[in-house]
Amino acid sequence: MEIPSIDLKDYEYTLPEDRIAKFPLEKRDSSQLLEYRKGTIQHHHFFDLPRLLDADSLLVYNNTKVIPARLIFQRQTGARIEVFLLQPTAPSRVMSEIMTSKKPVVWETMIGNLKKWKEEETLQGIIKIDAKEVILTARLVNKDLMQVEFSWNAEEIAFVDLVEACGETPLPPYLNRKAQESDKSRYQTVYSEKEGAVAAPTAGLHFTDEVFAALRKKGIQEAALTLHVSAGTFQPIKVKAVQEHPMHSEQLEIKRETIEKLLSHTGKIVAVGTTSVRTLESMYWYGVQLIENRGNRFEIEKLAPYASRPSLPTRTEVLQAIVNDMERSGSDTLFGTTSIFIFPGYKFQLVDGLITNFHQPGSTLVLLIAALVGEDWKKIYQEALDSNYRFLSYGDSSLLWI
C-alpha cells in the first residue's frame, strides 16, 4: 500500500469557540446523533442507536478507565509542581501491573514548573485513605526524560488508590477550565473498568444502562477491549509531511473471548470510538505479522499497514491465526502496543461502522474519519455545524458507515 501525499489544509475546518461543549448534557443519551450512510445524512438522538443497528451487529467498545492523572505537589518554598502521568516505565511498563503495584513505581510525565524542581529532590503530600494518612513521595529521577518515582509508606495501599484519592481529572486542554467534582463520573464511560487512560474514549460517554438494555433486547452483541488512551491524542500535527507526525504509543489488552467472538461473527462490526478502531485494526496487522512468520511481539508501528504486499489475508484468517497462537502459548489475554496512524488511503479490515464524536480541525482523528468516509467528511462536519451540534469530548455523536 503506497503512502499517499496529504495536505493538512484539506482537513481543516472552522470550529467556533461557542460550538465546543464545555460541559456534558444532563443526560448522557440525550445527545444528538448524526448518521451517515452511503452519502446520506440523517439526524437522531443517541437513545435511537438500538433501532439504527441491525440485530446481527457486534458492538465493540473500549473499557479503559480514566485515572485522575494530574497530581499536585508543593516544594518547601511553596512553589507548586504539577505532575501529569503519561506512561509507566518501571518496574513494569504494563499498565495493569503498575496500577495495582504496592511498591514504588516510575512514570514518564509532563511536569508543570519543572525548572523549580531539582533533580533527586523529593516532594511529599499527605493523603487520607480510609481515615488513614498516607505520605506520597515524588522524586525526580531523570529531569531530561521527566521520569518521576512515586513511593508511599503503606504497604497495603495500591498505586491506583493513591491516584484516585489525590489526583485531578485530566480534562482536555481545549475545554479551558478546571475539573469539577462532577467530571470524575461524567468524564468516564458507564462501562469503564481497566484503570490507565489519561483521556476518555469519548464516543462511549453517551451510553447509558437504558441504551444497553435496548441493544441487548434487540439481540445486538457486544464485546470489550482495552486501549489506554494517552495524552498524545491531543497532540496537534505540526509537520508538513503528515506521515512524519510522531504518533503516540498506547497500550492495549484484548481478551481471547473477544477475539473468538469477532472470529465467529458474520454481521457488521461497529466500533465505539476511534480508540476501538485503532485497537481492532492493530489486531488485524498483528495477525498478518503472525501469518508472515515475523514473530509474536505485538507492537504495531505507525506506518506498518502501508507496507507493500501482493495480497492480504481475510479477517477470518487473521483472527484464527491469533487464536491459534494464543492456544499455543496458553494465554487468554493479548497484550500489546500500537502507534498505528490511520489516514486517507487506509483500507479498513475489521471495522464496518464507527460511533464517534466530532473532532478538532486538522487532527489525526479527523484524518481517521476521512479515511473511513472519504471526502464526505466535510459534508458531515458542515451538516453538524449547520445543525447546531456540540463538538469535541463532551459534544454530540455520529454513526458513520463505510
Protein backbone atom coordinates (compact mmCIF):
# COMPACT_ATOMS: atom_id res chain seq x y z
CA MET A 1 0.00 0.00 0.00
CA GLU A 2 1.58 3.26 -1.10
CA ILE A 3 1.65 6.10 1.41
CA PRO A 4 -0.40 8.94 -0.11
CA SER A 5 0.65 12.56 -0.12
CA ILE A 6 -1.59 14.50 2.27
CA ASP A 7 -2.01 18.27 2.55
CA LEU A 8 -3.19 19.01 6.08
CA LYS A 9 -5.02 22.14 4.87
CA ASP A 10 -7.54 19.80 3.23
CA TYR A 11 -8.54 18.53 6.67
CA GLU A 12 -9.05 21.84 8.42
CA TYR A 13 -12.38 23.47 9.13
CA THR A 14 -13.52 26.46 11.18
CA LEU A 15 -14.72 25.49 14.65
CA PRO A 16 -16.22 28.46 16.53
CA GLU A 17 -15.35 28.52 20.23
CA ASP A 18 -19.02 28.51 21.22
CA ARG A 19 -19.50 25.15 19.48
CA ILE A 20 -17.10 23.39 21.81
CA ALA A 21 -19.10 21.63 24.52
CA LYS A 22 -17.52 22.78 27.77
CA PHE A 23 -19.83 20.65 29.93
CA PRO A 24 -21.76 17.41 29.35
CA LEU A 25 -25.52 17.28 28.91
CA GLU A 26 -27.57 16.40 31.96
CA LYS A 27 -28.49 13.01 30.44
CA ARG A 28 -25.83 11.15 28.53
CA ASP A 29 -28.01 9.59 25.83
CA SER A 30 -29.93 12.78 25.01
CA SER A 31 -27.05 13.96 22.80
CA GLN A 32 -27.69 14.39 19.09
CA LEU A 33 -26.60 11.58 16.78
CA LEU A 34 -25.78 12.18 13.12
CA GLU A 35 -25.96 9.04 10.99
CA TYR A 36 -24.02 8.87 7.72
CA ARG A 37 -24.74 6.02 5.32
CA LYS A 38 -23.62 5.93 1.65
CA GLY A 39 -23.67 9.69 1.21
CA THR A 40 -26.94 10.24 3.08
CA ILE A 41 -27.19 12.03 6.43
CA GLN A 42 -29.99 11.64 8.96
CA HIS A 43 -30.41 13.20 12.40
CA HIS A 44 -31.32 11.29 15.54
CA HIS A 45 -30.63 11.22 19.26
CA PHE A 46 -28.26 8.77 20.86
CA PHE A 47 -31.08 6.89 22.54
CA ASP A 48 -32.17 5.94 18.99
CA LEU A 49 -28.99 3.88 18.48
CA PRO A 50 -30.58 0.44 19.11
CA ARG A 51 -33.03 0.87 16.22
CA LEU A 52 -30.26 2.13 13.89
CA LEU A 53 -28.15 -1.00 14.25
CA ASP A 54 -29.00 -4.32 12.60
CA ALA A 55 -29.85 -7.13 15.01
CA ASP A 56 -26.80 -9.12 13.88
CA SER A 57 -24.38 -6.27 14.67
CA LEU A 58 -21.46 -6.62 17.07
CA LEU A 59 -20.68 -3.51 19.11
CA VAL A 60 -17.05 -3.27 20.25
CA TYR A 61 -16.17 -0.76 22.96
CA ASN A 62 -13.08 0.34 24.89
CA ASN A 63 -13.41 -0.33 28.62
CA THR A 64 -10.38 1.70 29.71
CA LYS A 65 -10.88 3.85 32.80
CA VAL A 66 -9.59 7.40 33.11
CA ILE A 67 -7.29 7.91 36.09
CA PRO A 68 -7.03 11.28 37.87
CA ALA A 69 -3.63 11.74 36.23
CA ARG A 70 -2.92 15.31 37.36
CA LEU A 71 -1.05 15.28 40.71
CA ILE A 72 -0.18 18.48 42.59
CA PHE A 73 2.78 18.83 44.94
CA GLN A 74 4.36 21.77 46.75
CA ARG A 75 8.01 22.40 47.45
CA GLN A 76 9.01 23.62 50.88
CA THR A 77 9.45 27.04 49.29
CA GLY A 78 5.76 26.99 48.38
CA ALA A 79 6.32 26.52 44.64
CA ARG A 80 3.53 24.47 43.04
CA ILE A 81 4.64 21.48 40.95
CA GLU A 82 2.12 19.73 38.73
CA VAL A 83 2.93 16.17 37.64
CA PHE A 84 0.85 14.71 34.81
CA LEU A 85 1.12 10.93 34.46
CA LEU A 86 1.78 9.73 30.90
CA GLN A 87 3.01 6.14 30.92
CA PRO A 88 4.76 3.80 33.36
CA THR A 89 8.40 2.84 32.88
CA ALA A 90 9.34 0.74 35.97
CA PRO A 91 9.21 -1.80 37.46
CA SER A 92 6.95 -2.70 34.54
CA ARG A 93 5.52 -0.92 31.50
CA VAL A 94 2.26 -2.87 31.72
CA MET A 95 -0.44 -0.51 32.95
CA SER A 96 -2.44 -3.09 34.88
CA GLU A 97 0.66 -4.18 36.81
CA ILE A 98 1.69 -0.62 37.67
CA MET A 99 -1.77 0.47 38.80
CA THR A 100 -2.05 -2.44 41.25
CA SER A 101 1.55 -2.16 42.47
CA LYS A 102 2.10 -1.70 46.19
CA LYS A 103 5.78 -0.86 45.73
CA PRO A 104 7.50 2.22 44.23
CA VAL A 105 6.73 2.95 40.58
CA VAL A 106 8.33 5.19 37.96
CA TRP A 107 6.34 7.14 35.37
CA GLU A 108 7.15 9.23 32.35
CA THR A 109 5.33 12.51 32.98
CA MET A 110 4.73 16.07 31.94
CA ILE A 111 5.77 18.49 34.67
CA GLY A 112 4.47 21.98 35.24
CA ASN A 113 7.07 24.33 36.77
CA LEU A 114 9.84 21.82 36.03
CA LYS A 115 12.59 24.42 36.34
CA LYS A 116 11.76 24.79 40.05
CA TRP A 117 12.19 21.05 40.76
CA LYS A 118 15.76 19.97 41.34
CA GLU A 119 16.90 16.52 40.24
CA GLU A 120 16.81 13.96 43.09
CA GLU A 121 14.71 16.42 45.18
CA THR A 122 11.75 14.77 46.89
CA LEU A 123 8.26 16.24 47.19
CA GLN A 124 5.66 14.93 49.59
CA GLY A 125 1.93 15.04 50.06
CA ILE A 126 -0.33 13.65 52.77
CA ILE A 127 -3.32 11.68 51.51
CA LYS A 128 -6.25 10.34 53.53
CA ILE A 129 -7.40 6.86 52.54
CA ASP A 130 -9.99 5.12 54.72
CA ALA A 131 -9.21 7.51 57.60
CA LYS A 132 -5.53 6.67 57.34
CA GLU A 133 -2.90 9.29 56.48
CA VAL A 134 -0.51 8.10 53.77
CA ILE A 135 2.59 10.02 52.76
CA LEU A 136 3.13 10.00 48.98
CA THR A 137 6.66 10.90 47.93
CA ALA A 138 7.67 12.01 44.42
CA ARG A 139 11.30 12.04 43.33
CA LEU A 140 12.58 13.40 40.01
CA VAL A 141 14.90 10.63 38.85
CA ASN A 142 15.53 11.88 35.29
CA LYS A 143 14.87 15.54 34.52
CA ASP A 144 15.54 15.25 30.79
CA LEU A 145 13.04 12.42 30.36
CA MET A 146 10.76 13.81 33.10
CA GLN A 147 10.70 10.47 34.87
CA VAL A 148 9.30 10.54 38.40
CA GLU A 149 9.44 7.84 41.04
CA PHE A 150 6.48 7.55 43.41
CA SER A 151 6.71 5.78 46.76
CA TRP A 152 4.47 5.67 49.84
CA ASN A 153 4.55 4.46 53.43
CA ALA A 154 1.65 1.99 53.41
CA GLU A 155 2.33 -1.48 52.04
CA GLU A 156 -1.35 -2.39 51.82
CA ILE A 157 -2.19 0.55 49.52
CA ALA A 158 -2.00 0.16 45.71
CA PHE A 159 -0.82 3.00 43.47
CA VAL A 160 -4.26 3.32 41.90
CA ASP A 161 -5.78 4.03 45.35
CA LEU A 162 -3.36 6.92 45.87
CA VAL A 163 -4.09 8.42 42.47
CA GLU A 164 -7.84 8.08 42.95
CA ALA A 165 -7.57 9.80 46.35
CA CYS A 166 -5.45 12.80 45.39
CA GLY A 167 -5.41 13.21 41.61
CA GLU A 168 -7.45 15.60 39.47
CA THR A 169 -9.44 14.57 36.39
CA PRO A 170 -7.30 15.30 33.29
CA LEU A 171 -9.76 17.28 31.18
CA PRO A 172 -8.75 18.03 27.56
CA PRO A 173 -6.86 21.33 27.20
CA TYR A 174 -9.42 22.74 24.76
CA LEU A 175 -12.10 22.80 27.46
CA ASN A 176 -10.06 25.57 29.06
CA ARG A 177 -11.49 25.08 32.53
CA LYS A 178 -10.65 23.38 35.79
CA ALA A 179 -12.06 19.95 36.53
CA GLN A 180 -15.13 19.87 38.75
CA GLU A 181 -16.33 17.15 41.09
CA SER A 182 -18.94 16.07 38.52
CA ASP A 183 -16.22 15.41 35.94
CA LYS A 184 -14.99 12.45 37.98
CA SER A 185 -18.03 10.48 36.87
CA ARG A 186 -19.06 12.24 33.66
CA TYR A 187 -15.61 12.10 32.02
CA GLN A 188 -15.88 8.33 32.33
CA THR A 189 -17.93 5.76 30.42
CA VAL A 190 -20.52 3.72 32.33
CA TYR A 191 -18.58 0.59 31.35
CA SER A 192 -15.10 1.82 32.33
CA GLU A 193 -13.19 -0.92 34.10
CA LYS A 194 -9.42 -1.02 33.45
CA GLU A 195 -7.57 1.92 35.01
CA GLY A 196 -4.87 3.56 32.91
CA ALA A 197 -6.20 6.16 30.45
CA VAL A 198 -5.38 9.85 30.77
CA ALA A 199 -8.10 10.81 28.30
CA ALA A 200 -11.57 9.35 27.93
CA PRO A 201 -12.71 7.31 24.92
CA THR A 202 -15.35 9.97 24.45
CA ALA A 203 -17.65 8.20 21.98
CA GLY A 204 -18.62 5.96 24.87
CA LEU A 205 -19.71 8.83 27.10
CA HIS A 206 -23.19 8.76 25.50
CA PHE A 207 -24.04 5.21 26.55
CA THR A 208 -26.43 4.57 29.42
CA ASP A 209 -27.78 1.45 31.09
CA GLU A 210 -31.05 2.07 29.25
CA VAL A 211 -29.34 2.12 25.85
CA PHE A 212 -27.52 -1.11 26.66
CA ALA A 213 -30.76 -2.73 27.78
CA ALA A 214 -32.42 -1.80 24.47
CA LEU A 215 -29.42 -3.08 22.48
CA ARG A 216 -29.50 -6.42 24.31
CA LYS A 217 -33.26 -6.72 23.89
CA LYS A 218 -32.78 -6.43 20.14
CA GLY A 219 -30.12 -9.14 20.25
CA ILE A 220 -27.17 -6.92 19.38
CA GLN A 221 -23.95 -8.45 20.69
CA GLU A 222 -21.19 -6.55 22.44
CA ALA A 223 -17.51 -7.11 23.15
CA ALA A 224 -14.95 -5.23 25.20
CA LEU A 225 -11.30 -4.47 24.59
CA THR A 226 -8.87 -2.09 26.24
CA LEU A 227 -6.72 0.70 24.86
CA HIS A 228 -5.32 3.10 27.44
CA VAL A 229 -5.74 6.48 25.78
CA SER A 230 -2.66 8.69 26.13
CA ALA A 231 -2.29 12.46 26.18
CA GLY A 232 -0.82 12.19 22.69
CA THR A 233 -4.36 12.02 21.35
CA PHE A 234 -4.47 15.83 21.73
CA GLN A 235 -1.08 16.44 20.08
CA PRO A 236 -1.52 18.72 17.05
CA ILE A 237 0.10 17.88 13.72
CA LYS A 238 2.98 20.31 13.20
CA VAL A 239 4.85 18.73 10.28
CA LYS A 240 4.32 19.41 6.59
CA ALA A 241 4.57 15.73 5.65
CA VAL A 242 1.65 14.36 7.70
CA GLN A 243 3.06 10.82 7.81
CA GLU A 244 6.05 12.18 9.78
CA HIS A 245 3.80 13.19 12.69
CA PRO A 246 5.13 11.42 15.84
CA MET A 247 2.24 9.14 16.76
CA HIS A 248 1.91 8.23 20.42
CA SER A 249 2.25 4.61 21.50
CA GLU A 250 -0.66 3.26 23.52
CA GLN A 251 -1.07 0.04 25.46
CA LEU A 252 -3.84 -2.36 24.56
CA GLU A 253 -5.29 -5.52 26.04
CA ILE A 254 -7.71 -7.92 24.35
CA LYS A 255 -9.29 -10.99 25.92
CA ARG A 256 -9.35 -14.21 23.93
CA GLU A 257 -13.14 -14.39 24.29
CA THR A 258 -13.41 -11.06 22.43
CA ILE A 259 -11.21 -12.33 19.59
CA GLU A 260 -13.24 -15.55 19.37
CA LYS A 261 -16.46 -13.53 19.29
CA LEU A 262 -15.07 -11.47 16.40
CA LEU A 263 -13.97 -14.64 14.64
CA SER A 264 -17.41 -16.27 14.80
CA HIS A 265 -19.33 -13.10 14.00
CA THR A 266 -20.83 -12.82 10.49
CA GLY A 267 -22.65 -9.48 10.78
CA LYS A 268 -21.34 -5.94 10.88
CA ILE A 269 -18.69 -4.89 13.39
CA VAL A 270 -19.34 -1.42 14.83
CA ALA A 271 -16.54 0.21 16.81
CA VAL A 272 -17.35 2.60 19.64
CA GLY A 273 -14.78 5.36 19.23
CA THR A 274 -11.56 5.88 17.34
CA THR A 275 -9.64 4.07 20.09
CA SER A 276 -11.62 0.89 19.45
CA VAL A 277 -10.97 1.30 15.72
CA ARG A 278 -7.23 1.66 16.31
CA THR A 279 -7.23 -1.42 18.53
CA LEU A 280 -9.22 -3.59 16.12
CA GLU A 281 -7.19 -2.56 13.09
CA SER A 282 -3.93 -3.01 15.03
CA MET A 283 -5.06 -6.51 15.91
CA TYR A 284 -5.57 -7.26 12.23
CA TRP A 285 -1.99 -6.23 11.41
CA TYR A 286 -0.71 -8.26 14.33
CA GLY A 287 -2.44 -11.28 12.81
CA VAL A 288 -0.83 -10.52 9.45
CA GLN A 289 2.53 -10.45 11.24
CA LEU A 290 1.84 -13.92 12.67
CA ILE A 291 0.83 -15.30 9.27
CA GLU A 292 4.00 -13.87 7.73
CA ASN A 293 6.08 -15.51 10.49
CA ARG A 294 7.53 -12.21 11.70
CA GLY A 295 7.31 -13.06 15.39
CA ASN A 296 4.58 -12.69 18.01
CA ARG A 297 5.59 -9.43 19.63
CA PHE A 298 2.50 -7.22 19.42
CA GLU A 299 3.96 -3.81 18.66
CA ILE A 300 2.39 -2.06 15.67
CA GLU A 301 4.40 0.83 14.25
CA LYS A 302 2.57 3.85 12.86
CA LEU A 303 3.13 3.07 9.15
CA ALA A 304 3.16 -0.74 9.38
CA PRO A 305 -0.16 -1.12 7.47
CA TYR A 306 1.23 0.77 4.47
CA ALA A 307 3.98 -1.75 3.64
CA SER A 308 3.68 -3.13 0.11
CA ARG A 309 2.18 -6.63 -0.09
CA PRO A 310 0.90 -8.65 -3.07
CA SER A 311 -2.25 -9.61 -1.14
CA LEU A 312 -3.75 -9.58 2.32
CA PRO A 313 -5.35 -12.38 4.35
CA THR A 314 -9.04 -12.25 5.22
CA ARG A 315 -10.24 -11.14 8.64
CA THR A 316 -11.15 -14.75 9.40
CA GLU A 317 -7.63 -15.97 8.56
CA VAL A 318 -6.07 -13.24 10.69
CA LEU A 319 -8.28 -13.79 13.73
CA GLN A 320 -7.80 -17.56 13.52
CA ALA A 321 -4.03 -17.08 13.43
CA ILE A 322 -4.22 -15.01 16.63
CA VAL A 323 -6.40 -17.58 18.40
CA ASN A 324 -4.07 -20.39 17.33
CA ASP A 325 -1.05 -18.51 18.67
CA MET A 326 -2.82 -17.87 21.98
CA GLU A 327 -3.68 -21.57 22.23
CA ARG A 328 -0.03 -22.50 21.68
CA SER A 329 1.14 -20.05 24.35
CA GLY A 330 -1.67 -20.88 26.78
CA SER A 331 -2.62 -17.20 27.02
CA ASP A 332 -6.14 -15.85 27.48
CA THR A 333 -5.18 -12.18 27.10
CA LEU A 334 -3.39 -10.43 24.25
CA PHE A 335 -1.16 -7.55 25.39
CA GLY A 336 0.46 -5.10 23.01
CA THR A 337 1.16 -1.54 21.96
CA THR A 338 0.17 0.40 18.90
CA SER A 339 1.19 3.63 17.20
CA ILE A 340 -0.95 2.93 14.14
CA PHE A 341 -1.64 6.02 12.04
CA ILE A 342 -4.86 5.81 10.05
CA PHE A 343 -5.24 8.46 7.36
CA PRO A 344 -6.86 8.72 3.89
CA GLY A 345 -5.72 5.83 1.73
CA TYR A 346 -6.02 3.30 4.56
CA LYS A 347 -8.27 0.29 3.89
CA PHE A 348 -10.22 -0.85 6.95
CA GLN A 349 -10.02 -4.57 7.68
CA LEU A 350 -12.12 -5.31 10.78
CA VAL A 351 -14.45 -2.33 11.10
CA ASP A 352 -17.73 -1.76 9.21
CA GLY A 353 -19.06 1.20 11.18
CA LEU A 354 -17.96 3.75 13.77
CA ILE A 355 -19.64 5.65 16.59
CA THR A 356 -17.62 8.78 17.31
CA ASN A 357 -17.77 12.42 18.37
CA PHE A 358 -16.75 15.44 16.27
CA HIS A 359 -13.03 16.13 16.40
CA GLN A 360 -10.61 19.04 16.25
CA PRO A 361 -9.74 20.55 12.87
CA GLY A 362 -6.62 19.15 11.23
CA SER A 363 -6.20 16.43 13.86
CA THR A 364 -5.16 12.80 13.48
CA LEU A 365 -8.75 11.90 14.38
CA VAL A 366 -10.21 13.93 11.51
CA LEU A 367 -7.76 12.13 9.22
CA LEU A 368 -9.11 8.81 10.52
CA ILE A 369 -12.68 9.94 9.83
CA ALA A 370 -11.67 10.98 6.30
CA ALA A 371 -10.10 7.56 5.78
CA LEU A 372 -13.44 5.99 6.74
CA VAL A 373 -15.89 8.13 4.75
CA GLY A 374 -13.68 9.87 2.18
CA GLU A 375 -14.26 13.47 1.12
CA ASP A 376 -17.76 13.30 2.61
CA TRP A 377 -16.18 14.08 6.00
CA LYS A 378 -16.50 17.76 5.00
CA LYS A 379 -20.19 17.32 4.25
CA ILE A 380 -20.71 15.56 7.59
CA TYR A 381 -18.93 18.23 9.63
CA GLN A 382 -20.62 21.11 7.82
CA GLU A 383 -24.00 19.50 8.39
CA ALA A 384 -23.20 19.13 12.08
CA LEU A 385 -22.17 22.77 12.31
CA ASP A 386 -25.29 23.92 10.45
CA SER A 387 -27.48 21.77 12.69
CA ASN A 388 -26.11 23.18 15.95
CA TYR A 389 -24.27 20.06 17.06
CA ARG A 390 -21.93 20.32 20.02
CA PHE A 391 -18.28 19.40 19.30
CA LEU A 392 -15.34 17.57 20.91
CA SER A 393 -15.18 15.45 24.07
CA TYR A 394 -18.42 16.46 25.78
CA GLY A 395 -20.17 17.07 22.46
CA ASP A 396 -22.64 15.19 20.27
CA SER A 397 -22.09 11.95 18.39
CA SER A 398 -22.17 10.37 14.96
CA LEU A 399 -22.70 6.92 13.48
CA LEU A 400 -20.62 6.50 10.33
CA TRP A 401 -20.82 3.56 7.94
CA ILE A 402 -18.09 2.57 5.49
